[in-house]
């Protein structure tokens, strides 16, 4: 089992920045991939980006060059640095971890609101 706890959400004006953190506990040695998903009201949950244990990252097209994922394996923590935020980025952001057996674990989510 893996437990994930997100932090760092909040409200920001368009053009602002936020950094989300996700701390993993439990069977962390089994985690292969960590990532961030988001779900806006009335929309399906979508992958924002993910990162392998070796640091290879993958991003949703609409956030490329604005959002950056990093991972500190020693601290069992993944980060999502979000820059140049837009109202369309408003959503609940969920941390995800996938283990070697392709089992997914989820955090409870953190709200990000971008509004003037």
PDB file of N, CA and C in Angstrom:
ATOM      1  N   UNK A   1       0.833  -1.196   0.000  1.00  0.00           N
ATOM      2  CA  UNK A   1       0.000   0.000   0.000  1.00  0.00           C
ATOM      3  C   UNK A   1       0.871   1.249   0.000  1.00  0.00           C
ATOM      4  N   UNK A   2       0.368   2.236  -0.671  1.00  0.00           N
ATOM      5  CA  UNK A   2       1.039   3.541  -0.724  1.00  0.00           C
ATOM      6  C   UNK A   2       0.030   4.609  -0.332  1.00  0.00           C
ATOM      7  N   UNK A   3       0.449   5.520   0.514  1.00  0.00           N
ATOM      8  CA  UNK A   3      -0.391   6.645   0.897  1.00  0.00           C
ATOM      9  C   UNK A   3       0.242   7.921   0.323  1.00  0.00           C
ATOM     10  N   UNK A   4      -0.627   8.788  -0.188  1.00  0.00           N
ATOM     11  CA  UNK A   4      -0.161  10.031  -0.812  1.00  0.00           C
ATOM     12  C   UNK A   4      -0.859  11.216  -0.166  1.00  0.00           C
ATOM     13  N   UNK A   5      -0.104  12.241   0.160  1.00  0.00           N
ATOM     14  CA  UNK A   5      -0.675  13.454   0.747  1.00  0.00           C
ATOM     15  C   UNK A   5      -0.176  14.655  -0.037  1.00  0.00           C
ATOM     16  N   UNK A   6      -1.133  15.392  -0.615  1.00  0.00           N
ATOM     17  CA  UNK A   6      -0.788  16.580  -1.392  1.00  0.00           C
ATOM     18  C   UNK A   6      -0.847  17.831  -0.512  1.00  0.00           C
ATOM     19  N   UNK A   7      -0.115  18.839  -0.933  1.00  0.00           N
ATOM     20  CA  UNK A   7      -0.191  20.155  -0.299  1.00  0.00           C
ATOM     21  C   UNK A   7       0.205  21.212  -1.322  1.00  0.00           C
ATOM     22  N   UNK A   8      -0.134  22.457  -1.020  1.00  0.00           N
ATOM     23  CA  UNK A   8       0.323  23.563  -1.864  1.00  0.00           C
ATOM     24  C   UNK A   8      -0.724  24.195  -2.739  1.00  0.00           C
ATOM     25  N   UNK A   9      -1.955  23.685  -2.717  1.00  0.00           N
ATOM     26  CA  UNK A   9      -2.993  24.302  -3.535  1.00  0.00           C
ATOM     27  C   UNK A   9      -3.400  25.656  -2.977  1.00  0.00           C
ATOM     28  N   UNK A  10      -4.274  26.346  -3.712  1.00  0.00           N
ATOM     29  CA  UNK A  10      -4.743  27.638  -3.253  1.00  0.00           C
ATOM     30  C   UNK A  10      -5.299  28.452  -4.390  1.00  0.00           C
ATOM     31  N   UNK A  11      -5.480  29.739  -4.128  1.00  0.00           N
ATOM     32  CA  UNK A  11      -6.010  30.654  -5.122  1.00  0.00           C
ATOM     33  C   UNK A  11      -4.922  31.605  -5.594  1.00  0.00           C
ATOM     34  N   UNK A  12      -4.914  31.879  -6.881  1.00  0.00           N
ATOM     35  CA  UNK A  12      -3.888  32.741  -7.449  1.00  0.00           C
ATOM     36  C   UNK A  12      -4.486  33.490  -8.638  1.00  0.00           C
ATOM     37  N   UNK A  13      -3.945  34.640  -8.936  1.00  0.00           N
ATOM     38  CA  UNK A  13      -4.397  35.406 -10.097  1.00  0.00           C
ATOM     39  C   UNK A  13      -3.777  34.850 -11.376  1.00  0.00           C
ATOM     40  N   UNK A  14      -4.411  35.089 -12.505  1.00  0.00           N
ATOM     41  CA  UNK A  14      -3.820  34.657 -13.785  1.00  0.00           C
ATOM     42  C   UNK A  14      -2.399  35.183 -13.932  1.00  0.00           C
ATOM     43  N   UNK A  15      -1.527  34.305 -14.422  1.00  0.00           N
ATOM     44  CA  UNK A  15      -0.121  34.654 -14.544  1.00  0.00           C
ATOM     45  C   UNK A  15       0.713  34.296 -13.343  1.00  0.00           C
ATOM     46  N   UNK A  16       0.056  33.901 -12.258  1.00  0.00           N
ATOM     47  CA  UNK A  16       0.765  33.562 -11.042  1.00  0.00           C
ATOM     48  C   UNK A  16       1.325  32.150 -11.054  1.00  0.00           C
ATOM     49  N   UNK A  17       1.938  31.779  -9.937  1.00  0.00           N
ATOM     50  CA  UNK A  17       2.581  30.471  -9.807  1.00  0.00           C
ATOM     51  C   UNK A  17       2.164  29.798  -8.508  1.00  0.00           C
ATOM     52  N   UNK A  18       2.185  28.490  -8.537  1.00  0.00           N
ATOM     53  CA  UNK A  18       1.971  27.667  -7.349  1.00  0.00           C
ATOM     54  C   UNK A  18       2.858  26.435  -7.469  1.00  0.00           C
ATOM     55  N   UNK A  19       3.229  25.883  -6.322  1.00  0.00           N
ATOM     56  CA  UNK A  19       3.944  24.611  -6.331  1.00  0.00           C
ATOM     57  C   UNK A  19       3.195  23.619  -5.449  1.00  0.00           C
ATOM     58  N   UNK A  20       2.870  22.495  -6.047  1.00  0.00           N
ATOM     59  CA  UNK A  20       2.228  21.412  -5.307  1.00  0.00           C
ATOM     60  C   UNK A  20       3.278  20.386  -4.899  1.00  0.00           C
ATOM     61  N   UNK A  21       3.056  19.806  -3.737  1.00  0.00           N
ATOM     62  CA  UNK A  21       3.936  18.746  -3.249  1.00  0.00           C
ATOM     63  C   UNK A  21       3.103  17.511  -2.959  1.00  0.00           C
ATOM     64  N   UNK A  22       3.719  16.361  -3.100  1.00  0.00           N
ATOM     65  CA  UNK A  22       3.053  15.086  -2.812  1.00  0.00           C
ATOM     66  C   UNK A  22       4.048  14.182  -2.111  1.00  0.00           C
ATOM     67  N   UNK A  23       3.741  13.850  -0.861  1.00  0.00           N
ATOM     68  CA  UNK A  23       4.605  12.971  -0.078  1.00  0.00           C
ATOM     69  C   UNK A  23       4.023  11.571  -0.079  1.00  0.00           C
ATOM     70  N   UNK A  24       4.856  10.610  -0.405  1.00  0.00           N
ATOM     71  CA  UNK A  24       4.440   9.208  -0.432  1.00  0.00           C
ATOM     72  C   UNK A  24       4.978   8.481   0.791  1.00  0.00           C
ATOM     73  N   UNK A  25       4.138   7.648   1.384  1.00  0.00           N
ATOM     74  CA  UNK A  25       4.557   6.786   2.492  1.00  0.00           C
ATOM     75  C   UNK A  25       4.031   5.381   2.230  1.00  0.00           C
ATOM     76  N   UNK A  26       4.552   4.426   2.984  1.00  0.00           N
ATOM     77  CA  UNK A  26       4.135   3.036   2.792  1.00  0.00           C
ATOM     78  C   UNK A  26       5.143   2.292   1.936  1.00  0.00           C
ATOM     79  N   UNK A  27       4.658   1.518   0.988  1.00  0.00           N
ATOM     80  CA  UNK A  27       5.513   0.670   0.144  1.00  0.00           C
ATOM     81  C   UNK A  27       6.132   1.492  -0.984  1.00  0.00           C
ATOM     82  N   UNK A  28       6.921   2.462  -0.614  1.00  0.00           N
ATOM     83  CA  UNK A  28       7.443   3.419  -1.588  1.00  0.00           C
ATOM     84  C   UNK A  28       8.455   2.792  -2.530  1.00  0.00           C
ATOM     85  N   UNK A  29       9.086   1.703  -2.107  1.00  0.00           N
ATOM     86  CA  UNK A  29      10.081   1.074  -2.967  1.00  0.00           C
ATOM     87  C   UNK A  29       9.449   0.473  -4.210  1.00  0.00           C
ATOM     88  N   UNK A  30       8.137   0.289  -4.184  1.00  0.00           N
ATOM     89  CA  UNK A  30       7.445  -0.296  -5.322  1.00  0.00           C
ATOM     90  C   UNK A  30       6.974   0.749  -6.338  1.00  0.00           C
ATOM     91  N   UNK A  31       7.105   2.023  -5.995  1.00  0.00           N
ATOM     92  CA  UNK A  31       6.587   3.065  -6.883  1.00  0.00           C
ATOM     93  C   UNK A  31       7.460   3.187  -8.114  1.00  0.00           C
ATOM     94  N   UNK A  32       6.832   3.061  -9.273  1.00  0.00           N
ATOM     95  CA  UNK A  32       7.540   3.209 -10.539  1.00  0.00           C
ATOM     96  C   UNK A  32       7.335   4.617 -11.111  1.00  0.00           C
ATOM     97  N   UNK A  33       6.126   5.093 -11.036  1.00  0.00           N
ATOM     98  CA  UNK A  33       5.776   6.347 -11.697  1.00  0.00           C
ATOM     99  C   UNK A  33       4.999   7.216 -10.710  1.00  0.00           C
ATOM    100  N   UNK A  34       5.308   8.500 -10.685  1.00  0.00           N
ATOM    101  CA  UNK A  34       4.496   9.446  -9.909  1.00  0.00           C
ATOM    102  C   UNK A  34       3.998  10.534 -10.850  1.00  0.00           C
ATOM    103  N   UNK A  35       2.809  10.997 -10.598  1.00  0.00           N
ATOM    104  CA  UNK A  35       2.253  11.988 -11.506  1.00  0.00           C
ATOM    105  C   UNK A  35       1.174  12.825 -10.879  1.00  0.00           C
ATOM    106  N   UNK A  36       0.673  13.741 -11.674  1.00  0.00           N
ATOM    107  CA  UNK A  36      -0.397  14.638 -11.250  1.00  0.00           C
ATOM    108  C   UNK A  36      -1.525  14.596 -12.276  1.00  0.00           C
ATOM    109  N   UNK A  37      -2.727  14.461 -11.773  1.00  0.00           N
ATOM    110  CA  UNK A  37      -3.924  14.539 -12.591  1.00  0.00           C
ATOM    111  C   UNK A  37      -4.739  15.726 -12.078  1.00  0.00           C
ATOM    112  N   UNK A  38      -5.672  16.171 -12.893  1.00  0.00           N
ATOM    113  CA  UNK A  38      -6.571  17.229 -12.444  1.00  0.00           C
ATOM    114  C   UNK A  38      -7.977  16.961 -12.969  1.00  0.00           C
ATOM    115  N   UNK A  39      -8.947  17.492 -12.225  1.00  0.00           N
ATOM    116  CA  UNK A  39     -10.336  17.353 -12.632  1.00  0.00           C
ATOM    117  C   UNK A  39     -11.054  18.661 -12.377  1.00  0.00           C
ATOM    118  N   UNK A  40     -11.527  19.265 -13.451  1.00  0.00           N
ATOM    119  CA  UNK A  40     -12.307  20.498 -13.362  1.00  0.00           C
ATOM    120  C   UNK A  40     -13.789  20.129 -13.251  1.00  0.00           C
ATOM    121  N   UNK A  41     -14.620  21.011 -12.723  1.00  0.00           N
ATOM    122  CA  UNK A  41     -16.049  20.721 -12.598  1.00  0.00           C
ATOM    123  C   UNK A  41     -16.661  20.348 -13.945  1.00  0.00           C
ATOM    124  N   UNK A  42     -17.371  19.231 -13.972  1.00  0.00           N
ATOM    125  CA  UNK A  42     -18.040  18.796 -15.182  1.00  0.00           C
ATOM    126  C   UNK A  42     -17.144  18.161 -16.221  1.00  0.00           C
ATOM    127  N   UNK A  43     -15.888  17.953 -15.886  1.00  0.00           N
ATOM    128  CA  UNK A  43     -14.951  17.364 -16.854  1.00  0.00           C
ATOM    129  C   UNK A  43     -14.334  16.099 -16.298  1.00  0.00           C
ATOM    130  N   UNK A  44     -13.781  15.304 -17.193  1.00  0.00           N
ATOM    131  CA  UNK A  44     -13.111  14.081 -16.767  1.00  0.00           C
ATOM    132  C   UNK A  44     -11.737  14.391 -16.188  1.00  0.00           C
ATOM    133  N   UNK A  45     -11.285  13.511 -15.348  1.00  0.00           N
ATOM    134  CA  UNK A  45      -9.934  13.656 -14.812  1.00  0.00           C
ATOM    135  C   UNK A  45      -8.938  13.454 -15.941  1.00  0.00           C
ATOM    136  N   UNK A  46      -7.910  14.312 -15.983  1.00  0.00           N
ATOM    137  CA  UNK A  46      -6.912  14.209 -17.043  1.00  0.00           C
ATOM    138  C   UNK A  46      -5.507  14.217 -16.461  1.00  0.00           C
ATOM    139  N   UNK A  47      -4.614  13.570 -17.161  1.00  0.00           N
ATOM    140  CA  UNK A  47      -3.214  13.543 -16.747  1.00  0.00           C
ATOM    141  C   UNK A  47      -2.568  14.884 -17.050  1.00  0.00           C
ATOM    142  N   UNK A  48      -1.977  15.497 -16.053  1.00  0.00           N
ATOM    143  CA  UNK A  48      -1.222  16.728 -16.238  1.00  0.00           C
ATOM    144  C   UNK A  48       0.214  16.396 -16.619  1.00  0.00           C
ATOM    145  N   UNK A  49       0.768  15.431 -15.921  1.00  0.00           N
ATOM    146  CA  UNK A  49       2.125  15.008 -16.217  1.00  0.00           C
ATOM    147  C   UNK A  49       2.556  13.935 -15.239  1.00  0.00           C
ATOM    148  N   UNK A  50       3.595  13.199 -15.620  1.00  0.00           N
ATOM    149  CA  UNK A  50       4.136  12.188 -14.727  1.00  0.00           C
ATOM    150  C   UNK A  50       5.646  12.101 -14.907  1.00  0.00           C
ATOM    151  N   UNK A  51       6.263  11.391 -13.992  1.00  0.00           N
ATOM    152  CA  UNK A  51       7.718  11.319 -13.999  1.00  0.00           C
ATOM    153  C   UNK A  51       8.154   9.951 -13.494  1.00  0.00           C
ATOM    154  N   UNK A  52       9.136   9.381 -14.173  1.00  0.00           N
ATOM    155  CA  UNK A  52       9.658   8.073 -13.766  1.00  0.00           C
ATOM    156  C   UNK A  52      10.645   8.234 -12.610  1.00  0.00           C
ATOM    157  N   UNK A  53      11.035   7.114 -12.054  1.00  0.00           N
ATOM    158  CA  UNK A  53      12.020   7.142 -10.968  1.00  0.00           C
ATOM    159  C   UNK A  53      13.329   7.765 -11.438  1.00  0.00           C
ATOM    160  N   UNK A  54      13.636   7.614 -12.730  1.00  0.00           N
ATOM    161  CA  UNK A  54      14.877   8.163 -13.284  1.00  0.00           C
ATOM    162  C   UNK A  54      14.746   9.613 -13.732  1.00  0.00           C
ATOM    163  N   UNK A  55      13.564  10.196 -13.572  1.00  0.00           N
ATOM    164  CA  UNK A  55      13.411  11.614 -13.866  1.00  0.00           C
ATOM    165  C   UNK A  55      12.930  11.947 -15.255  1.00  0.00           C
ATOM    166  N   UNK A  56      12.437  10.974 -15.988  1.00  0.00           N
ATOM    167  CA  UNK A  56      11.899  11.248 -17.326  1.00  0.00           C
ATOM    168  C   UNK A  56      10.447  11.688 -17.165  1.00  0.00           C
ATOM    169  N   UNK A  57      10.153  12.901 -17.629  1.00  0.00           N
ATOM    170  CA  UNK A  57       8.827  13.493 -17.425  1.00  0.00           C
ATOM    171  C   UNK A  57       8.037  13.553 -18.728  1.00  0.00           C
ATOM    172  N   UNK A  58       6.737  13.513 -18.554  1.00  0.00           N
ATOM    173  CA  UNK A  58       5.787  13.564 -19.669  1.00  0.00           C
ATOM    174  C   UNK A  58       4.695  14.548 -19.276  1.00  0.00           C
ATOM    175  N   UNK A  59       4.236  15.399 -20.234  1.00  0.00           N
ATOM    176  CA  UNK A  59       3.288  16.459 -19.898  1.00  0.00           C
ATOM    177  C   UNK A  59       2.095  16.496 -20.860  1.00  0.00           C
ATOM    178  N   UNK A  60       0.979  16.956 -20.322  1.00  0.00           N
ATOM    179  CA  UNK A  60      -0.171  17.320 -21.134  1.00  0.00           C
ATOM    180  C   UNK A  60       0.256  18.495 -22.026  1.00  0.00           C
ATOM    181  N   UNK A  61      -0.151  18.472 -23.282  1.00  0.00           N
ATOM    182  CA  UNK A  61       0.300  19.499 -24.232  1.00  0.00           C
ATOM    183  C   UNK A  61       0.013  20.924 -23.749  1.00  0.00           C
ATOM    184  N   UNK A  62      -1.142  21.112 -23.149  1.00  0.00           N
ATOM    185  CA  UNK A  62      -1.548  22.472 -22.792  1.00  0.00           C
ATOM    186  C   UNK A  62      -0.754  23.054 -21.622  1.00  0.00           C
ATOM    187  N   UNK A  63       0.029  22.218 -20.934  1.00  0.00           N
ATOM    188  CA  UNK A  63       0.809  22.738 -19.802  1.00  0.00           C
ATOM    189  C   UNK A  63       2.309  22.728 -20.076  1.00  0.00           C
ATOM    190  N   UNK A  64       2.698  22.196 -21.237  1.00  0.00           N
ATOM    191  CA  UNK A  64       4.125  22.158 -21.563  1.00  0.00           C
ATOM    192  C   UNK A  64       4.720  23.557 -21.535  1.00  0.00           C
ATOM    193  N   UNK A  65       5.915  23.654 -20.980  1.00  0.00           N
ATOM    194  CA  UNK A  65       6.659  24.912 -20.849  1.00  0.00           C
ATOM    195  C   UNK A  65       6.076  25.845 -19.781  1.00  0.00           C
ATOM    196  N   UNK A  66       4.995  25.443 -19.140  1.00  0.00           N
ATOM    197  CA  UNK A  66       4.450  26.209 -17.999  1.00  0.00           C
ATOM    198  C   UNK A  66       4.545  25.418 -16.696  1.00  0.00           C
ATOM    199  N   UNK A  67       4.330  24.118 -16.767  1.00  0.00           N
ATOM    200  CA  UNK A  67       4.351  23.259 -15.601  1.00  0.00           C
ATOM    201  C   UNK A  67       5.588  22.363 -15.645  1.00  0.00           C
ATOM    202  N   UNK A  68       6.131  22.094 -14.477  1.00  0.00           N
ATOM    203  CA  UNK A  68       7.325  21.256 -14.413  1.00  0.00           C
ATOM    204  C   UNK A  68       7.189  20.281 -13.242  1.00  0.00           C
ATOM    205  N   UNK A  69       7.426  19.028 -13.532  1.00  0.00           N
ATOM    206  CA  UNK A  69       7.354  17.986 -12.515  1.00  0.00           C
ATOM    207  C   UNK A  69       8.764  17.604 -12.111  1.00  0.00           C
ATOM    208  N   UNK A  70       8.954  17.421 -10.829  1.00  0.00           N
ATOM    209  CA  UNK A  70      10.223  16.911 -10.330  1.00  0.00           C
ATOM    210  C   UNK A  70       9.952  15.901  -9.235  1.00  0.00           C
ATOM    211  N   UNK A  71      10.995  15.175  -8.891  1.00  0.00           N
ATOM    212  CA  UNK A  71      10.814  14.082  -7.929  1.00  0.00           C
ATOM    213  C   UNK A  71      12.091  13.964  -7.109  1.00  0.00           C
ATOM    214  N   UNK A  72      11.919  13.926  -5.809  1.00  0.00           N
ATOM    215  CA  UNK A  72      13.037  13.717  -4.891  1.00  0.00           C
ATOM    216  C   UNK A  72      12.862  12.343  -4.277  1.00  0.00           C
ATOM    217  N   UNK A  73      13.563  11.360  -4.807  1.00  0.00           N
ATOM    218  CA  UNK A  73      13.400   9.989  -4.335  1.00  0.00           C
ATOM    219  C   UNK A  73      13.827   9.835  -2.867  1.00  0.00           C
ATOM    220  N   UNK A  74      14.807  10.607  -2.451  1.00  0.00           N
ATOM    221  CA  UNK A  74      15.275  10.509  -1.065  1.00  0.00           C
ATOM    222  C   UNK A  74      14.196  10.978  -0.081  1.00  0.00           C
ATOM    223  N   UNK A  75      13.375  11.932  -0.526  1.00  0.00           N
ATOM    224  CA  UNK A  75      12.304  12.457   0.343  1.00  0.00           C
ATOM    225  C   UNK A  75      10.952  11.838   0.006  1.00  0.00           C
ATOM    226  N   UNK A  76      10.935  10.931  -0.981  1.00  0.00           N
ATOM    227  CA  UNK A  76       9.683  10.285  -1.389  1.00  0.00           C
ATOM    228  C   UNK A  76       8.625  11.323  -1.746  1.00  0.00           C
ATOM    229  N   UNK A  77       9.052  12.353  -2.428  1.00  0.00           N
ATOM    230  CA  UNK A  77       8.182  13.492  -2.716  1.00  0.00           C
ATOM    231  C   UNK A  77       8.244  13.845  -4.199  1.00  0.00           C
ATOM    232  N   UNK A  78       7.081  14.155  -4.748  1.00  0.00           N
ATOM    233  CA  UNK A  78       6.982  14.681  -6.107  1.00  0.00           C
ATOM    234  C   UNK A  78       6.444  16.100  -6.037  1.00  0.00           C
ATOM    235  N   UNK A  79       6.875  16.902  -6.988  1.00  0.00           N
ATOM    236  CA  UNK A  79       6.469  18.303  -7.014  1.00  0.00           C
ATOM    237  C   UNK A  79       5.875  18.648  -8.375  1.00  0.00           C
ATOM    238  N   UNK A  80       4.969  19.594  -8.362  1.00  0.00           N
ATOM    239  CA  UNK A  80       4.449  20.155  -9.605  1.00  0.00           C
ATOM    240  C   UNK A  80       4.563  21.669  -9.503  1.00  0.00           C
ATOM    241  N   UNK A  81       5.519  22.227 -10.233  1.00  0.00           N
ATOM    242  CA  UNK A  81       5.681  23.672 -10.290  1.00  0.00           C
ATOM    243  C   UNK A  81       4.819  24.199 -11.428  1.00  0.00           C
ATOM    244  N   UNK A  82       3.893  25.077 -11.092  1.00  0.00           N
ATOM    245  CA  UNK A  82       2.949  25.598 -12.087  1.00  0.00           C
ATOM    246  C   UNK A  82       3.180  27.099 -12.250  1.00  0.00           C
ATOM    247  N   UNK A  83       3.558  27.502 -13.437  1.00  0.00           N
ATOM    248  CA  UNK A  83       3.820  28.906 -13.756  1.00  0.00           C
ATOM    249  C   UNK A  83       2.835  29.400 -14.803  1.00  0.00           C
ATOM    250  N   UNK A  84       2.739  30.710 -14.911  1.00  0.00           N
ATOM    251  CA  UNK A  84       1.840  31.330 -15.907  1.00  0.00           C
ATOM    252  C   UNK A  84       0.455  30.700 -15.872  1.00  0.00           C
ATOM    253  N   UNK A  85      -0.082  30.584 -14.683  1.00  0.00           N
ATOM    254  CA  UNK A  85      -1.373  29.911 -14.511  1.00  0.00           C
ATOM    255  C   UNK A  85      -2.484  30.658 -15.219  1.00  0.00           C
ATOM    256  N   UNK A  86      -3.424  29.893 -15.744  1.00  0.00           N
ATOM    257  CA  UNK A  86      -4.562  30.425 -16.496  1.00  0.00           C
ATOM    258  C   UNK A  86      -5.853  29.968 -15.814  1.00  0.00           C
ATOM    259  N   UNK A  87      -6.948  30.692 -16.020  1.00  0.00           N
ATOM    260  CA  UNK A  87      -8.226  30.241 -15.438  1.00  0.00           C
ATOM    261  C   UNK A  87      -8.574  28.801 -15.835  1.00  0.00           C
ATOM    262  N   UNK A  88      -8.169  28.376 -17.024  1.00  0.00           N
ATOM    263  CA  UNK A  88      -8.451  27.004 -17.471  1.00  0.00           C
ATOM    264  C   UNK A  88      -7.709  25.957 -16.648  1.00  0.00           C
ATOM    265  N   UNK A  89      -6.738  26.382 -15.863  1.00  0.00           N
ATOM    266  CA  UNK A  89      -6.012  25.442 -14.997  1.00  0.00           C
ATOM    267  C   UNK A  89      -6.746  25.186 -13.680  1.00  0.00           C
ATOM    268  N   UNK A  90      -7.838  25.883 -13.455  1.00  0.00           N
ATOM    269  CA  UNK A  90      -8.611  25.690 -12.231  1.00  0.00           C
ATOM    270  C   UNK A  90      -9.164  24.280 -12.169  1.00  0.00           C
ATOM    271  N   UNK A  91      -8.858  23.575 -11.092  1.00  0.00           N
ATOM    272  CA  UNK A  91      -9.277  22.180 -10.952  1.00  0.00           C
ATOM    273  C   UNK A  91      -8.836  21.672  -9.588  1.00  0.00           C
ATOM    274  N   UNK A  92      -9.297  20.482  -9.270  1.00  0.00           N
ATOM    275  CA  UNK A  92      -8.724  19.744  -8.145  1.00  0.00           C
ATOM    276  C   UNK A  92      -7.574  18.916  -8.709  1.00  0.00           C
ATOM    277  N   UNK A  93      -6.433  19.031  -8.096  1.00  0.00           N
ATOM    278  CA  UNK A  93      -5.230  18.340  -8.563  1.00  0.00           C
ATOM    279  C   UNK A  93      -4.970  17.144  -7.642  1.00  0.00           C
ATOM    280  N   UNK A  94      -4.774  15.997  -8.265  1.00  0.00           N
ATOM    281  CA  UNK A  94      -4.564  14.746  -7.535  1.00  0.00           C
ATOM    282  C   UNK A  94      -3.173  14.185  -7.815  1.00  0.00           C
ATOM    283  N   UNK A  95      -2.525  13.779  -6.771  1.00  0.00           N
ATOM    284  CA  UNK A  95      -1.259  13.068  -6.912  1.00  0.00           C
ATOM    285  C   UNK A  95      -1.556  11.593  -7.185  1.00  0.00           C
ATOM    286  N   UNK A  96      -0.740  11.013  -8.040  1.00  0.00           N
ATOM    287  CA  UNK A  96      -0.899   9.603  -8.402  1.00  0.00           C
ATOM    288  C   UNK A  96       0.439   8.897  -8.287  1.00  0.00           C
ATOM    289  N   UNK A  97       0.408   7.663  -7.831  1.00  0.00           N
ATOM    290  CA  UNK A  97       1.603   6.820  -7.837  1.00  0.00           C
ATOM    291  C   UNK A  97       1.216   5.467  -8.423  1.00  0.00           C
ATOM    292  N   UNK A  98       2.083   4.943  -9.250  1.00  0.00           N
ATOM    293  CA  UNK A  98       1.824   3.644  -9.878  1.00  0.00           C
ATOM    294  C   UNK A  98       2.974   2.711  -9.535  1.00  0.00           C
ATOM    295  N   UNK A  99       2.633   1.515  -9.077  1.00  0.00           N
ATOM    296  CA  UNK A  99       3.699   0.606  -8.657  1.00  0.00           C
ATOM    297  C   UNK A  99       4.095  -0.341  -9.794  1.00  0.00           C
ATOM    298  N   UNK A 100       4.954  -1.262  -9.487  1.00  0.00           N
ATOM    299  CA  UNK A 100       5.501  -2.156 -10.506  1.00  0.00           C
ATOM    300  C   UNK A 100       4.442  -3.083 -11.090  1.00  0.00           C
ATOM    301  N   UNK A 101       3.360  -3.307 -10.339  1.00  0.00           N
ATOM    302  CA  UNK A 101       2.247  -4.136 -10.827  1.00  0.00           C
ATOM    303  C   UNK A 101       1.168  -3.298 -11.492  1.00  0.00           C
ATOM    304  N   UNK A 102       1.471  -2.038 -11.773  1.00  0.00           N
ATOM    305  CA  UNK A 102       0.535  -1.107 -12.435  1.00  0.00           C
ATOM    306  C   UNK A 102      -0.700  -0.816 -11.582  1.00  0.00           C
ATOM    307  N   UNK A 103      -0.577  -0.937 -10.288  1.00  0.00           N
ATOM    308  CA  UNK A 103      -1.643  -0.534  -9.377  1.00  0.00           C
ATOM    309  C   UNK A 103      -1.499   0.958  -9.116  1.00  0.00           C
ATOM    310  N   UNK A 104      -2.627   1.673  -9.198  1.00  0.00           N
ATOM    311  CA  UNK A 104      -2.628   3.119  -8.987  1.00  0.00           C
ATOM    312  C   UNK A 104      -3.060   3.482  -7.573  1.00  0.00           C
ATOM    313  N   UNK A 105      -2.383   4.445  -7.008  1.00  0.00           N
ATOM    314  CA  UNK A 105      -2.753   5.016  -5.714  1.00  0.00           C
ATOM    315  C   UNK A 105      -3.005   6.510  -5.920  1.00  0.00           C
ATOM    316  N   UNK A 106      -3.928   7.041  -5.102  1.00  0.00           N
ATOM    317  CA  UNK A 106      -4.339   8.431  -5.285  1.00  0.00           C
ATOM    318  C   UNK A 106      -4.314   9.191  -3.970  1.00  0.00           C
ATOM    319  N   UNK A 107      -3.947  10.481  -4.065  1.00  0.00           N
ATOM    320  CA  UNK A 107      -4.142  11.364  -2.936  1.00  0.00           C
ATOM    321  C   UNK A 107      -5.571  11.863  -2.918  1.00  0.00           C
ATOM    322  N   UNK A 108      -5.904  12.649  -1.898  1.00  0.00           N
ATOM    323  CA  UNK A 108      -7.274  13.150  -1.761  1.00  0.00           C
ATOM    324  C   UNK A 108      -7.539  14.376  -2.621  1.00  0.00           C
ATOM    325  N   UNK A 109      -6.486  14.991  -3.116  1.00  0.00           N
ATOM    326  CA  UNK A 109      -6.651  16.134  -4.002  1.00  0.00           C
ATOM    327  C   UNK A 109      -6.470  17.462  -3.293  1.00  0.00           C
ATOM    328  N   UNK A 110      -6.067  18.451  -4.062  1.00  0.00           N
ATOM    329  CA  UNK A 110      -5.918  19.802  -3.544  1.00  0.00           C
ATOM    330  C   UNK A 110      -6.454  20.776  -4.596  1.00  0.00           C
ATOM    331  N   UNK A 111      -7.215  21.756  -4.126  1.00  0.00           N
ATOM    332  CA  UNK A 111      -7.879  22.683  -5.040  1.00  0.00           C
ATOM    333  C   UNK A 111      -6.912  23.765  -5.514  1.00  0.00           C
ATOM    334  N   UNK A 112      -6.925  24.006  -6.821  1.00  0.00           N
ATOM    335  CA  UNK A 112      -6.188  25.129  -7.404  1.00  0.00           C
ATOM    336  C   UNK A 112      -7.205  26.005  -8.134  1.00  0.00           C
ATOM    337  N   UNK A 113      -7.269  27.266  -7.760  1.00  0.00           N
ATOM    338  CA  UNK A 113      -8.212  28.201  -8.373  1.00  0.00           C
ATOM    339  C   UNK A 113      -7.439  29.378  -8.952  1.00  0.00           C
ATOM    340  N   UNK A 114      -7.656  29.627 -10.232  1.00  0.00           N
ATOM    341  CA  UNK A 114      -6.994  30.743 -10.916  1.00  0.00           C
ATOM    342  C   UNK A 114      -8.064  31.733 -11.342  1.00  0.00           C
ATOM    343  N   UNK A 115      -8.059  32.879 -10.720  1.00  0.00           N
ATOM    344  CA  UNK A 115      -9.125  33.851 -10.971  1.00  0.00           C
ATOM    345  C   UNK A 115      -8.642  35.251 -10.628  1.00  0.00           C
ATOM    346  N   UNK A 116      -9.151  36.222 -11.384  1.00  0.00           N
ATOM    347  CA  UNK A 116      -8.826  37.616 -11.086  1.00  0.00           C
ATOM    348  C   UNK A 116      -9.891  38.225 -10.176  1.00  0.00           C
TER     349      UNK A 116
END
